[in-house]
Amino acid sequence: MSFVVLPEFHVAPDKLDPFLTAARADASASLAKEPGCLQFDIMLQPGDGLVKVMFYEVYTDSAAFDAHLQTPHVAEFRASLHLCDEQPVRFLDRVEP
């Protein structure tokens, strides 16, 4: 079983480009530098005046996610949170087929 994290953010269209730049940097660094990060996708859903941005993050386990939270690239991403309205994060255990 792996550990899935589903953060969601609501972003105004005029702030989307800088927010996505920060999100892409976080995703790329997570995949390149964290052996416990198995997948990190960024998805968009246009809405009524806001764009919903969701991350689909898969880690080997919750300890790998806890280690992810301590990285410099996550600290850099957190500096971009003023660009969005952060929603509650969902945590799930992924059942292997």
Protein backbone atom coordinates (compact mmCIF):
# COMPACT_ATOMS: atom_id res chain seq x y z
CA MET A 1 0.00 0.00 0.00
CA SER A 2 1.27 3.50 -0.77
CA PHE A 3 0.27 6.85 0.69
CA VAL A 4 -1.67 9.37 -1.43
CA VAL A 5 -1.93 13.09 -0.72
CA LEU A 6 -4.53 15.27 -2.47
CA PRO A 7 -3.99 18.98 -1.79
CA GLU A 8 -6.35 21.42 -3.51
CA PHE A 9 -5.96 25.14 -4.14
CA HIS A 10 -8.30 27.75 -5.61
CA VAL A 11 -6.39 30.26 -7.74
CA ALA A 12 -7.53 33.44 -9.48
CA PRO A 13 -6.73 33.35 -13.21
CA ASP A 14 -4.34 36.31 -12.94
CA LYS A 15 -2.28 34.45 -10.32
CA LEU A 16 -2.31 31.06 -12.03
CA ASP A 17 0.97 31.35 -13.95
CA PRO A 18 3.16 32.23 -10.94
CA PHE A 19 1.37 29.63 -8.81
CA LEU A 20 1.95 26.91 -11.44
CA THR A 21 5.60 27.90 -11.73
CA ALA A 22 6.02 27.28 -7.99
CA ALA A 23 3.98 24.06 -8.15
CA ARG A 24 6.03 22.68 -11.06
CA ALA A 25 9.28 23.43 -9.23
CA ASP A 26 7.99 21.58 -6.15
CA ALA A 27 6.80 18.60 -8.18
CA SER A 28 10.05 18.35 -10.17
CA ALA A 29 12.25 18.57 -7.07
CA SER A 30 10.09 16.06 -5.21
CA LEU A 31 10.42 13.50 -8.00
CA ALA A 32 14.14 14.14 -8.55
CA LYS A 33 15.33 14.37 -4.94
CA GLU A 34 12.97 12.22 -2.87
CA PRO A 35 13.19 8.45 -3.33
CA GLY A 36 9.93 8.08 -1.38
CA CYS A 37 7.99 10.27 -3.84
CA LEU A 38 6.60 7.96 -6.52
CA GLN A 39 4.31 10.35 -8.39
CA PHE A 40 3.47 14.06 -8.32
CA ASP A 41 0.89 15.29 -10.82
CA ILE A 42 -0.65 18.75 -11.11
CA MET A 43 -4.22 18.95 -12.40
CA LEU A 44 -6.44 21.92 -13.27
CA GLN A 45 -10.19 22.37 -13.25
CA PRO A 46 -11.48 25.72 -14.52
CA GLY A 47 -14.28 27.11 -12.38
CA ASP A 48 -16.48 30.14 -11.87
CA GLY A 49 -13.82 32.84 -11.80
CA LEU A 50 -11.31 30.58 -10.02
CA VAL A 51 -9.20 27.68 -11.19
CA LYS A 52 -9.07 24.63 -8.97
CA VAL A 53 -5.58 23.16 -8.83
CA MET A 54 -5.12 19.72 -7.34
CA PHE A 55 -1.96 17.74 -6.72
CA TYR A 56 -1.96 13.95 -6.89
CA GLU A 57 1.05 12.90 -4.83
CA VAL A 58 1.99 9.29 -4.16
CA TYR A 59 4.60 8.33 -1.57
CA THR A 60 5.92 4.97 -0.43
CA ASP A 61 4.40 5.63 3.00
CA SER A 62 3.40 8.43 5.36
CA ALA A 63 6.98 8.72 6.65
CA ALA A 64 8.13 9.59 3.12
CA PHE A 65 5.49 12.32 3.00
CA ASP A 66 6.60 13.62 6.41
CA ALA A 67 10.18 13.79 5.05
CA HIS A 68 8.85 15.65 1.98
CA LEU A 69 7.40 18.35 4.23
CA GLN A 70 10.89 19.07 5.63
CA THR A 71 12.56 19.75 2.27
CA PRO A 72 13.74 23.17 1.07
CA HIS A 73 11.61 22.94 -2.08
CA VAL A 74 8.43 22.58 -0.01
CA ALA A 75 9.44 25.66 1.98
CA GLU A 76 9.90 27.51 -1.32
CA PHE A 77 6.49 26.34 -2.53
CA ARG A 78 4.84 27.47 0.71
CA ALA A 79 6.06 30.98 -0.07
CA SER A 80 3.63 30.94 -3.03
CA LEU A 81 0.55 30.12 -0.95
CA HIS A 82 -0.38 33.82 -0.81
CA LEU A 83 -1.38 33.36 -4.47
CA CYS A 84 -4.21 30.94 -3.67
CA ASP A 85 -6.89 29.83 -1.27
CA GLU A 86 -5.64 26.55 0.18
CA GLN A 87 -8.32 23.91 0.71
CA PRO A 88 -8.28 20.97 3.16
CA VAL A 89 -5.82 18.23 2.21
CA ARG A 90 -7.03 14.66 1.83
CA PHE A 91 -4.87 11.68 2.78
CA LEU A 92 -5.57 8.17 1.50
CA ASP A 93 -3.99 4.73 1.45
CA ARG A 94 -3.68 3.45 -2.11
CA VAL A 95 -4.68 -0.17 -2.55
CA GLU A 96 -2.40 -1.97 -4.97
CA PRO A 97 -4.17 -3.98 -7.70
